[in-house]
Amino acid sequence: MSAPKTTKYSHQREAIISFLESRKDHPTADEVYHNIKESIPNISLGTVYRNLKQLSEAGRILRLTCDGKTDHFDACTAPHYHFLCKCCGGVKDIPMEPMDTLINQAKECTNFQIEEANVLFTGVCDQCNSDSVAV
């Protein structure tokens, strides 16, 4: 893996990082924009998209493309697993330690130089599951 790029300081960029660090879900760019706009009214959607791209390329945040349509963003860059709800589209962390054995098993059965694994679990989240039971 290459070393993360550095990014210059900007008020907008720091506001985006602070917002993402305050969240346990993984908001979309639109959600980031609507929340940041409350504190920085003149920020544009393009500025938010550009900063999210720069921050993810620099390794300061994670960009998660889970359903092939919508990117979600995560301030936690340490290796961890994610869950995508098929009902609401929400993305959440799964609180379990990453398994090095998964990468080792993949290396053993291929000639690939594997550097990391991105595991995405899918199903129905607890909120959607309880909503469907209540109906």
N, C-alpha and C. Protein backbone atom coordinates (compact mmCIF):
# COMPACT_ATOMS: atom_id res chain seq x y z
N MET A 1 0.83 -1.18 0.00
CA MET A 1 0.00 0.00 0.00
C MET A 1 0.87 1.24 0.00
N SER A 2 0.40 2.27 -0.69
CA SER A 2 1.17 3.51 -0.71
C SER A 2 0.84 4.34 0.52
N ALA A 3 1.75 5.25 0.83
CA ALA A 3 1.56 6.12 1.98
C ALA A 3 0.40 7.07 1.72
N PRO A 4 -0.39 7.40 2.76
CA PRO A 4 -1.50 8.31 2.57
C PRO A 4 -1.01 9.68 2.11
N LYS A 5 -1.79 10.31 1.25
CA LYS A 5 -1.48 11.67 0.81
C LYS A 5 -1.80 12.63 1.95
N THR A 6 -1.14 13.77 1.97
CA THR A 6 -1.47 14.77 2.96
C THR A 6 -2.45 15.76 2.35
N THR A 7 -3.28 16.33 3.19
CA THR A 7 -4.22 17.33 2.73
C THR A 7 -3.98 18.61 3.51
N LYS A 8 -4.13 19.75 2.83
CA LYS A 8 -3.99 21.04 3.49
C LYS A 8 -5.17 21.26 4.42
N TYR A 9 -4.95 22.10 5.42
CA TYR A 9 -6.03 22.43 6.34
C TYR A 9 -7.06 23.29 5.62
N SER A 10 -8.31 23.01 5.86
CA SER A 10 -9.38 23.91 5.44
C SER A 10 -10.50 23.77 6.46
N HIS A 11 -11.19 24.86 6.69
CA HIS A 11 -12.29 24.90 7.65
C HIS A 11 -13.37 23.89 7.26
N GLN A 12 -13.69 23.83 5.95
CA GLN A 12 -14.71 22.90 5.47
C GLN A 12 -14.29 21.45 5.70
N ARG A 13 -13.05 21.14 5.38
CA ARG A 13 -12.54 19.78 5.52
C ARG A 13 -12.59 19.34 6.98
N GLU A 14 -12.17 20.22 7.87
CA GLU A 14 -12.19 19.87 9.29
C GLU A 14 -13.61 19.71 9.81
N ALA A 15 -14.55 20.52 9.29
CA ALA A 15 -15.95 20.37 9.69
C ALA A 15 -16.50 19.02 9.23
N ILE A 16 -16.12 18.60 8.05
CA ILE A 16 -16.56 17.30 7.53
C ILE A 16 -16.00 16.17 8.39
N ILE A 17 -14.71 16.24 8.72
CA ILE A 17 -14.10 15.20 9.56
C ILE A 17 -14.76 15.17 10.93
N SER A 18 -14.98 16.33 11.54
CA SER A 18 -15.64 16.39 12.86
C SER A 18 -17.03 15.78 12.81
N PHE A 19 -17.77 16.10 11.76
CA PHE A 19 -19.11 15.54 11.62
C PHE A 19 -19.04 14.02 11.51
N LEU A 20 -18.15 13.50 10.67
CA LEU A 20 -18.04 12.06 10.51
C LEU A 20 -17.59 11.38 11.81
N GLU A 21 -16.69 12.02 12.54
CA GLU A 21 -16.22 11.44 13.81
C GLU A 21 -17.33 11.39 14.86
N SER A 22 -18.33 12.25 14.72
CA SER A 22 -19.42 12.29 15.70
C SER A 22 -20.50 11.25 15.41
N ARG A 23 -20.35 10.51 14.30
CA ARG A 23 -21.39 9.59 13.86
C ARG A 23 -20.93 8.14 13.98
N LYS A 24 -21.86 7.27 14.29
CA LYS A 24 -21.58 5.83 14.31
C LYS A 24 -22.16 5.15 13.09
N ASP A 25 -23.11 5.84 12.43
CA ASP A 25 -23.58 5.33 11.15
C ASP A 25 -22.64 5.87 10.08
N HIS A 26 -22.86 5.57 8.86
CA HIS A 26 -21.95 6.01 7.81
C HIS A 26 -22.75 6.80 6.79
N PRO A 27 -22.78 8.13 6.98
CA PRO A 27 -23.64 8.97 6.14
C PRO A 27 -23.19 9.05 4.68
N THR A 28 -24.13 9.39 3.82
CA THR A 28 -23.85 9.63 2.41
C THR A 28 -23.33 11.05 2.26
N ALA A 29 -22.84 11.39 1.07
CA ALA A 29 -22.37 12.75 0.82
C ALA A 29 -23.51 13.75 1.00
N ASP A 30 -24.72 13.41 0.57
CA ASP A 30 -25.85 14.31 0.75
C ASP A 30 -26.14 14.56 2.23
N GLU A 31 -26.07 13.52 3.04
CA GLU A 31 -26.29 13.68 4.48
C GLU A 31 -25.20 14.55 5.10
N VAL A 32 -23.96 14.36 4.67
CA VAL A 32 -22.86 15.20 5.15
C VAL A 32 -23.15 16.65 4.77
N TYR A 33 -23.49 16.88 3.51
CA TYR A 33 -23.77 18.23 3.02
C TYR A 33 -24.86 18.91 3.83
N HIS A 34 -26.01 18.25 4.02
CA HIS A 34 -27.13 18.87 4.73
C HIS A 34 -26.78 19.20 6.18
N ASN A 35 -25.95 18.38 6.81
CA ASN A 35 -25.55 18.65 8.20
C ASN A 35 -24.49 19.74 8.28
N ILE A 36 -23.52 19.73 7.37
CA ILE A 36 -22.46 20.75 7.37
C ILE A 36 -23.04 22.11 7.02
N LYS A 37 -24.05 22.13 6.16
CA LYS A 37 -24.67 23.38 5.72
C LYS A 37 -25.26 24.15 6.89
N GLU A 38 -25.63 23.46 7.96
CA GLU A 38 -26.17 24.12 9.15
C GLU A 38 -25.12 25.03 9.80
N SER A 39 -23.86 24.59 9.80
CA SER A 39 -22.81 25.39 10.42
C SER A 39 -22.02 26.24 9.42
N ILE A 40 -22.04 25.83 8.14
CA ILE A 40 -21.36 26.59 7.08
C ILE A 40 -22.38 26.80 5.95
N PRO A 41 -23.27 27.80 6.10
CA PRO A 41 -24.38 27.97 5.17
C PRO A 41 -23.99 28.16 3.70
N ASN A 42 -22.82 28.71 3.44
CA ASN A 42 -22.44 28.98 2.05
C ASN A 42 -21.67 27.82 1.39
N ILE A 43 -21.56 26.67 2.05
CA ILE A 43 -20.85 25.54 1.46
C ILE A 43 -21.71 24.93 0.35
N SER A 44 -21.07 24.51 -0.72
CA SER A 44 -21.81 23.91 -1.83
C SER A 44 -21.69 22.39 -1.77
N LEU A 45 -22.62 21.73 -2.43
CA LEU A 45 -22.58 20.27 -2.51
C LEU A 45 -21.31 19.82 -3.22
N GLY A 46 -20.89 20.56 -4.24
CA GLY A 46 -19.66 20.24 -4.96
C GLY A 46 -18.44 20.29 -4.05
N THR A 47 -18.40 21.27 -3.16
CA THR A 47 -17.29 21.39 -2.20
C THR A 47 -17.26 20.18 -1.27
N VAL A 48 -18.43 19.75 -0.82
CA VAL A 48 -18.50 18.58 0.07
C VAL A 48 -18.01 17.34 -0.68
N TYR A 49 -18.50 17.13 -1.90
CA TYR A 49 -18.06 15.97 -2.69
C TYR A 49 -16.54 16.01 -2.92
N ARG A 50 -16.02 17.17 -3.28
CA ARG A 50 -14.58 17.31 -3.55
C ARG A 50 -13.76 17.02 -2.30
N ASN A 51 -14.19 17.54 -1.15
CA ASN A 51 -13.46 17.31 0.10
C ASN A 51 -13.55 15.86 0.55
N LEU A 52 -14.71 15.23 0.39
CA LEU A 52 -14.83 13.81 0.73
C LEU A 52 -13.90 12.98 -0.13
N LYS A 53 -13.81 13.31 -1.40
CA LYS A 53 -12.91 12.59 -2.31
C LYS A 53 -11.45 12.78 -1.88
N GLN A 54 -11.06 14.02 -1.60
CA GLN A 54 -9.68 14.29 -1.18
C GLN A 54 -9.35 13.59 0.14
N LEU A 55 -10.28 13.64 1.09
CA LEU A 55 -10.04 13.01 2.39
C LEU A 55 -9.93 11.49 2.26
N SER A 56 -10.76 10.89 1.42
CA SER A 56 -10.68 9.43 1.26
C SER A 56 -9.41 9.04 0.50
N GLU A 57 -9.01 9.81 -0.50
CA GLU A 57 -7.77 9.52 -1.22
C GLU A 57 -6.55 9.69 -0.33
N ALA A 58 -6.64 10.60 0.65
CA ALA A 58 -5.54 10.83 1.57
C ALA A 58 -5.52 9.81 2.72
N GLY A 59 -6.56 8.96 2.79
CA GLY A 59 -6.61 7.95 3.85
C GLY A 59 -7.10 8.48 5.17
N ARG A 60 -7.69 9.68 5.19
CA ARG A 60 -8.19 10.25 6.45
C ARG A 60 -9.58 9.75 6.79
N ILE A 61 -10.34 9.31 5.78
CA ILE A 61 -11.66 8.72 5.98
C ILE A 61 -11.79 7.54 5.02
N LEU A 62 -12.79 6.71 5.27
CA LEU A 62 -13.09 5.60 4.36
C LEU A 62 -14.27 5.96 3.48
N ARG A 63 -14.17 5.61 2.21
CA ARG A 63 -15.30 5.70 1.28
C ARG A 63 -15.79 4.29 1.06
N LEU A 64 -17.04 4.03 1.40
CA LEU A 64 -17.61 2.70 1.29
C LEU A 64 -18.64 2.69 0.17
N THR A 65 -18.37 1.92 -0.86
CA THR A 65 -19.34 1.73 -1.94
C THR A 65 -19.96 0.37 -1.70
N CYS A 66 -21.13 0.38 -1.10
CA CYS A 66 -21.73 -0.87 -0.63
C CYS A 66 -22.75 -1.47 -1.57
N ASP A 67 -23.54 -0.65 -2.22
CA ASP A 67 -24.62 -1.17 -3.06
C ASP A 67 -24.40 -0.86 -4.53
N GLY A 68 -23.22 -0.33 -4.85
CA GLY A 68 -22.93 0.02 -6.23
C GLY A 68 -23.55 1.33 -6.68
N LYS A 69 -24.29 1.99 -5.80
CA LYS A 69 -24.97 3.23 -6.16
C LYS A 69 -24.53 4.41 -5.30
N THR A 70 -24.55 4.22 -4.01
CA THR A 70 -24.34 5.31 -3.08
C THR A 70 -23.10 5.07 -2.23
N ASP A 71 -22.23 6.07 -2.16
CA ASP A 71 -21.07 5.98 -1.28
C ASP A 71 -21.47 6.43 0.13
N HIS A 72 -20.91 5.75 1.10
CA HIS A 72 -21.07 6.11 2.51
C HIS A 72 -19.67 6.43 3.03
N PHE A 73 -19.59 7.24 4.08
CA PHE A 73 -18.29 7.69 4.57
C PHE A 73 -18.14 7.38 6.05
N ASP A 74 -16.91 7.02 6.43
CA ASP A 74 -16.60 6.55 7.78
C ASP A 74 -15.31 7.21 8.24
N ALA A 75 -15.33 7.82 9.42
CA ALA A 75 -14.13 8.46 9.95
C ALA A 75 -13.15 7.44 10.52
N CYS A 76 -13.62 6.24 10.84
CA CYS A 76 -12.75 5.21 11.40
C CYS A 76 -12.04 4.48 10.26
N THR A 77 -10.72 4.65 10.18
CA THR A 77 -9.95 4.04 9.10
C THR A 77 -9.27 2.73 9.53
N ALA A 78 -9.40 2.36 10.79
CA ALA A 78 -8.84 1.08 11.26
C ALA A 78 -9.62 -0.06 10.62
N PRO A 79 -8.96 -1.20 10.38
CA PRO A 79 -9.68 -2.33 9.77
C PRO A 79 -10.88 -2.75 10.62
N HIS A 80 -12.04 -2.83 9.98
CA HIS A 80 -13.25 -3.32 10.64
C HIS A 80 -14.27 -3.70 9.58
N TYR A 81 -15.31 -4.40 10.02
CA TYR A 81 -16.33 -4.92 9.11
C TYR A 81 -17.57 -4.03 9.13
N HIS A 82 -18.34 -4.10 8.03
CA HIS A 82 -19.54 -3.29 7.90
C HIS A 82 -20.74 -4.18 7.58
N PHE A 83 -21.93 -3.62 7.88
CA PHE A 83 -23.20 -4.28 7.61
C PHE A 83 -24.06 -3.33 6.79
N LEU A 84 -24.64 -3.82 5.70
CA LEU A 84 -25.55 -3.06 4.85
C LEU A 84 -26.94 -3.63 5.00
N CYS A 85 -27.89 -2.80 5.43
CA CYS A 85 -29.28 -3.23 5.57
C CYS A 85 -29.96 -3.17 4.20
N LYS A 86 -30.55 -4.29 3.80
CA LYS A 86 -31.23 -4.36 2.50
C LYS A 86 -32.54 -3.58 2.51
N CYS A 87 -33.07 -3.26 3.67
CA CYS A 87 -34.34 -2.54 3.75
C CYS A 87 -34.14 -1.02 3.71
N CYS A 88 -33.38 -0.50 4.67
CA CYS A 88 -33.23 0.96 4.78
C CYS A 88 -31.98 1.50 4.08
N GLY A 89 -31.06 0.62 3.69
CA GLY A 89 -29.83 1.06 3.03
C GLY A 89 -28.78 1.59 3.98
N GLY A 90 -29.04 1.51 5.28
CA GLY A 90 -28.08 2.00 6.27
C GLY A 90 -26.84 1.12 6.34
N VAL A 91 -25.72 1.74 6.67
CA VAL A 91 -24.46 1.03 6.82
C VAL A 91 -23.97 1.24 8.24
N LYS A 92 -23.64 0.15 8.91
CA LYS A 92 -23.20 0.22 10.30
C LYS A 92 -21.97 -0.65 10.50
N ASP A 93 -21.21 -0.32 11.54
CA ASP A 93 -20.05 -1.14 11.90
C ASP A 93 -20.52 -2.42 12.58
N ILE A 94 -19.76 -3.48 12.40
CA ILE A 94 -19.96 -4.71 13.16
C ILE A 94 -18.83 -4.76 14.19
N PRO A 95 -19.18 -4.75 15.48
CA PRO A 95 -18.15 -4.68 16.53
C PRO A 95 -17.47 -6.01 16.79
N MET A 96 -16.62 -6.42 15.85
CA MET A 96 -15.84 -7.63 16.04
C MET A 96 -14.43 -7.38 15.49
N GLU A 97 -13.48 -8.06 16.03
CA GLU A 97 -12.10 -7.90 15.60
C GLU A 97 -11.91 -8.45 14.19
N PRO A 98 -11.17 -7.74 13.33
CA PRO A 98 -10.87 -8.28 12.00
C PRO A 98 -10.08 -9.58 12.12
N MET A 99 -10.35 -10.50 11.23
CA MET A 99 -9.71 -11.81 11.27
C MET A 99 -8.56 -11.88 10.27
N ASP A 100 -7.33 -11.91 10.78
CA ASP A 100 -6.16 -12.04 9.91
C ASP A 100 -6.19 -13.38 9.16
N THR A 101 -6.86 -14.37 9.74
CA THR A 101 -6.91 -15.68 9.09
C THR A 101 -7.62 -15.61 7.75
N LEU A 102 -8.54 -14.68 7.58
CA LEU A 102 -9.25 -14.54 6.32
C LEU A 102 -8.28 -14.18 5.19
N ILE A 103 -7.42 -13.22 5.44
CA ILE A 103 -6.43 -12.82 4.44
C ILE A 103 -5.43 -13.96 4.21
N ASN A 104 -5.00 -14.61 5.28
CA ASN A 104 -4.05 -15.72 5.14
C ASN A 104 -4.64 -16.86 4.32
N GLN A 105 -5.92 -17.17 4.53
CA GLN A 105 -6.56 -18.23 3.75
C GLN A 105 -6.64 -17.84 2.28
N ALA A 106 -6.95 -16.59 1.99
CA ALA A 106 -7.02 -16.13 0.60
C ALA A 106 -5.65 -16.19 -0.06
N LYS A 107 -4.61 -15.84 0.69
CA LYS A 107 -3.25 -15.90 0.14
C LYS A 107 -2.83 -17.33 -0.17
N GLU A 108 -3.24 -18.26 0.71
CA GLU A 108 -2.86 -19.66 0.53
C GLU A 108 -3.47 -20.30 -0.72
N CYS A 109 -4.63 -19.85 -1.13
CA CYS A 109 -5.27 -20.50 -2.27
C CYS A 109 -5.14 -19.70 -3.57
N THR A 110 -4.31 -18.65 -3.56
CA THR A 110 -4.05 -17.87 -4.78
C THR A 110 -2.58 -17.49 -4.83
N ASN A 111 -2.19 -16.91 -5.94
CA ASN A 111 -0.85 -16.32 -6.06
C ASN A 111 -0.92 -14.80 -5.95
N PHE A 112 -2.04 -14.29 -5.45
CA PHE A 112 -2.24 -12.84 -5.36
C PHE A 112 -1.45 -12.26 -4.19
N GLN A 113 -1.06 -11.01 -4.33
CA GLN A 113 -0.45 -10.29 -3.22
C GLN A 113 -1.57 -9.49 -2.55
N ILE A 114 -2.20 -10.10 -1.56
CA ILE A 114 -3.36 -9.51 -0.89
C ILE A 114 -2.88 -8.61 0.24
N GLU A 115 -3.38 -7.38 0.25
CA GLU A 115 -2.96 -6.40 1.25
C GLU A 115 -4.04 -6.13 2.30
N GLU A 116 -5.30 -6.24 1.91
CA GLU A 116 -6.37 -6.00 2.86
C GLU A 116 -7.64 -6.68 2.38
N ALA A 117 -8.60 -6.81 3.28
CA ALA A 117 -9.89 -7.39 2.94
C ALA A 117 -10.99 -6.43 3.37
N ASN A 118 -11.96 -6.25 2.51
CA ASN A 118 -13.12 -5.43 2.85
C ASN A 118 -14.32 -6.35 2.87
N VAL A 119 -14.78 -6.65 4.08
CA VAL A 119 -15.89 -7.57 4.24
C VAL A 119 -17.16 -6.77 4.52
N LEU A 120 -18.20 -7.07 3.75
CA LEU A 120 -19.49 -6.41 3.92
C LEU A 120 -20.54 -7.48 4.15
N PHE A 121 -21.17 -7.43 5.31
CA PHE A 121 -22.28 -8.32 5.63
C PHE A 121 -23.56 -7.62 5.18
N THR A 122 -24.53 -8.36 4.69
CA THR A 122 -25.82 -7.78 4.29
C THR A 122 -26.95 -8.54 4.95
N GLY A 123 -28.06 -7.88 5.10
CA GLY A 123 -29.24 -8.49 5.72
C GLY A 123 -30.20 -7.40 6.13
N VAL A 124 -30.90 -7.61 7.24
CA VAL A 124 -31.87 -6.65 7.75
C VAL A 124 -31.41 -6.19 9.12
N CYS A 125 -31.30 -4.88 9.31
CA CYS A 125 -30.82 -4.34 10.59
C CYS A 125 -31.87 -4.53 11.69
N ASP A 126 -31.46 -4.34 12.92
CA ASP A 126 -32.35 -4.54 14.06
C ASP A 126 -33.55 -3.60 14.01
N GLN A 127 -33.36 -2.36 13.58
CA GLN A 127 -34.47 -1.40 13.51
C GLN A 127 -35.50 -1.84 12.47
N CYS A 128 -35.07 -2.18 11.28
CA CYS A 128 -35.99 -2.62 10.22
C CYS A 128 -36.66 -3.94 10.61
N ASN A 129 -35.90 -4.82 11.26
CA ASN A 129 -36.45 -6.10 11.68
C ASN A 129 -37.56 -5.89 12.72
N SER A 130 -37.33 -4.99 13.67
CA SER A 130 -38.36 -4.75 14.69
C SER A 130 -39.55 -4.00 14.09
N ASP A 131 -39.31 -3.14 13.08
CA ASP A 131 -40.40 -2.43 12.40
C ASP A 131 -41.30 -3.42 11.67
N SER A 132 -40.70 -4.43 11.02
CA SER A 132 -41.49 -5.40 10.26
C SER A 132 -42.26 -6.33 11.19
N VAL A 133 -41.72 -6.60 12.37
CA VAL A 133 -42.39 -7.46 13.34
C VAL A 133 -43.59 -6.72 13.94
N ALA A 134 -43.43 -5.39 14.13
CA ALA A 134 -44.48 -4.59 14.74
C ALA A 134 -45.68 -4.38 13.81
N VAL A 135 -45.48 -4.56 12.51
CA VAL A 135 -46.57 -4.30 11.54
C VAL A 135 -47.55 -5.42 11.50
